[in-house]
């Protein structure tokens, strides 16, 4: 999936805007998908490739409630 950067946006703020999280793993995936991006600063209107969040991400396991039967 691709998205367009907003003015004054950084890689971290873009990831948080799109995914609601900003983790080191997500940032590493971003830089692998966008090898020409060498700084955390994005140009306004710049198109970037976004990583995908897997179903085994930490955010889903944190929301699980153990139930004992």
C-alpha atoms as a PDB file:
ATOM      1  CA  UNK A   1       0.000   0.000   0.000  1.00  0.00           C
ATOM      2  CA  UNK A   2       1.234   3.500  -0.768  1.00  0.00           C
ATOM      3  CA  UNK A   3       0.418   6.817   0.864  1.00  0.00           C
ATOM      4  CA  UNK A   4       1.340  10.440   0.441  1.00  0.00           C
ATOM      5  CA  UNK A   5       3.289  12.370   3.086  1.00  0.00           C
ATOM      6  CA  UNK A   6       1.782  15.530   4.560  1.00  0.00           C
ATOM      7  CA  UNK A   7       3.754  18.759   5.102  1.00  0.00           C
ATOM      8  CA  UNK A   8       6.264  18.595   7.999  1.00  0.00           C
ATOM      9  CA  UNK A   9       5.709  14.847   8.400  1.00  0.00           C
ATOM     10  CA  UNK A  10       8.393  12.428   9.522  1.00  0.00           C
ATOM     11  CA  UNK A  11       8.522   8.680   9.074  1.00  0.00           C
ATOM     12  CA  UNK A  12       7.421   8.186  12.700  1.00  0.00           C
ATOM     13  CA  UNK A  13       4.477  10.578  12.497  1.00  0.00           C
ATOM     14  CA  UNK A  14       3.355   9.051   9.197  1.00  0.00           C
ATOM     15  CA  UNK A  15       3.420   5.542  10.655  1.00  0.00           C
ATOM     16  CA  UNK A  16       1.483   6.713  13.701  1.00  0.00           C
ATOM     17  CA  UNK A  17      -1.067   8.551  11.535  1.00  0.00           C
ATOM     18  CA  UNK A  18      -1.697   5.517   9.344  1.00  0.00           C
ATOM     19  CA  UNK A  19      -1.361   2.628  11.825  1.00  0.00           C
ATOM     20  CA  UNK A  20      -1.905   4.231  15.230  1.00  0.00           C
ATOM     21  CA  UNK A  21       1.406   2.748  16.415  1.00  0.00           C
ATOM     22  CA  UNK A  22       5.063   3.601  15.962  1.00  0.00           C
ATOM     23  CA  UNK A  23       7.344   0.681  16.720  1.00  0.00           C
ATOM     24  CA  UNK A  24      10.979   0.052  15.841  1.00  0.00           C
ATOM     25  CA  UNK A  25       9.968  -3.032  13.846  1.00  0.00           C
ATOM     26  CA  UNK A  26       7.446  -1.063  11.795  1.00  0.00           C
ATOM     27  CA  UNK A  27      10.021   1.655  11.126  1.00  0.00           C
ATOM     28  CA  UNK A  28      12.595  -0.949  10.017  1.00  0.00           C
ATOM     29  CA  UNK A  29      10.050  -2.416   7.593  1.00  0.00           C
ATOM     30  CA  UNK A  30       9.336   1.068   6.247  1.00  0.00           C
ATOM     31  CA  UNK A  31      13.005   1.725   5.470  1.00  0.00           C
ATOM     32  CA  UNK A  32      13.353  -1.707   3.799  1.00  0.00           C
ATOM     33  CA  UNK A  33      10.400  -0.895   1.536  1.00  0.00           C
ATOM     34  CA  UNK A  34      11.726   2.608   0.800  1.00  0.00           C
ATOM     35  CA  UNK A  35      15.504   2.160   0.358  1.00  0.00           C
ATOM     36  CA  UNK A  36      16.007   5.657  -1.091  1.00  0.00           C
ATOM     37  CA  UNK A  37      14.624   7.212   2.106  1.00  0.00           C
ATOM     38  CA  UNK A  38      17.761   7.919   4.150  1.00  0.00           C
ATOM     39  CA  UNK A  39      16.419  10.443   6.667  1.00  0.00           C
ATOM     40  CA  UNK A  40      13.374  10.495   8.953  1.00  0.00           C
ATOM     41  CA  UNK A  41      12.081  13.632   7.190  1.00  0.00           C
ATOM     42  CA  UNK A  42       9.605  13.299   4.323  1.00  0.00           C
ATOM     43  CA  UNK A  43       8.909  15.773   1.540  1.00  0.00           C
ATOM     44  CA  UNK A  44       5.331  17.113   1.332  1.00  0.00           C
ATOM     45  CA  UNK A  45       3.432  15.024  -1.209  1.00  0.00           C
ATOM     46  CA  UNK A  46       6.108  12.317  -1.318  1.00  0.00           C
ATOM     47  CA  UNK A  47       4.688   8.894  -2.133  1.00  0.00           C
ATOM     48  CA  UNK A  48       5.985   6.093   0.093  1.00  0.00           C
ATOM     49  CA  UNK A  49       5.362   2.366   0.347  1.00  0.00           C
ATOM     50  CA  UNK A  50       3.847   1.259   3.657  1.00  0.00           C
ATOM     51  CA  UNK A  51       4.509  -1.991   5.485  1.00  0.00           C
ATOM     52  CA  UNK A  52       1.604  -4.244   6.376  1.00  0.00           C
ATOM     53  CA  UNK A  53       0.704  -5.183   9.900  1.00  0.00           C
ATOM     54  CA  UNK A  54       0.463  -8.935  10.398  1.00  0.00           C
ATOM     55  CA  UNK A  55      -2.154 -10.686  12.438  1.00  0.00           C
ATOM     56  CA  UNK A  56       0.590 -11.788  14.838  1.00  0.00           C
ATOM     57  CA  UNK A  57       1.514  -8.213  15.837  1.00  0.00           C
ATOM     58  CA  UNK A  58       2.010  -7.330  19.493  1.00  0.00           C
ATOM     59  CA  UNK A  59      -1.000  -5.015  19.505  1.00  0.00           C
ATOM     60  CA  UNK A  60      -3.432  -7.894  18.999  1.00  0.00           C
ATOM     61  CA  UNK A  61      -1.958 -10.027  21.758  1.00  0.00           C
ATOM     62  CA  UNK A  62      -2.068  -7.157  24.247  1.00  0.00           C
ATOM     63  CA  UNK A  63      -5.846  -6.885  23.810  1.00  0.00           C
ATOM     64  CA  UNK A  64      -6.512 -10.551  24.517  1.00  0.00           C
ATOM     65  CA  UNK A  65      -8.198 -11.406  27.811  1.00  0.00           C
ATOM     66  CA  UNK A  66      -7.418 -14.801  29.328  1.00  0.00           C
ATOM     67  CA  UNK A  67     -10.515 -16.778  30.198  1.00  0.00           C
ATOM     68  CA  UNK A  68     -10.318 -19.755  32.535  1.00  0.00           C
ATOM     69  CA  UNK A  69     -12.930 -22.467  32.138  1.00  0.00           C
END
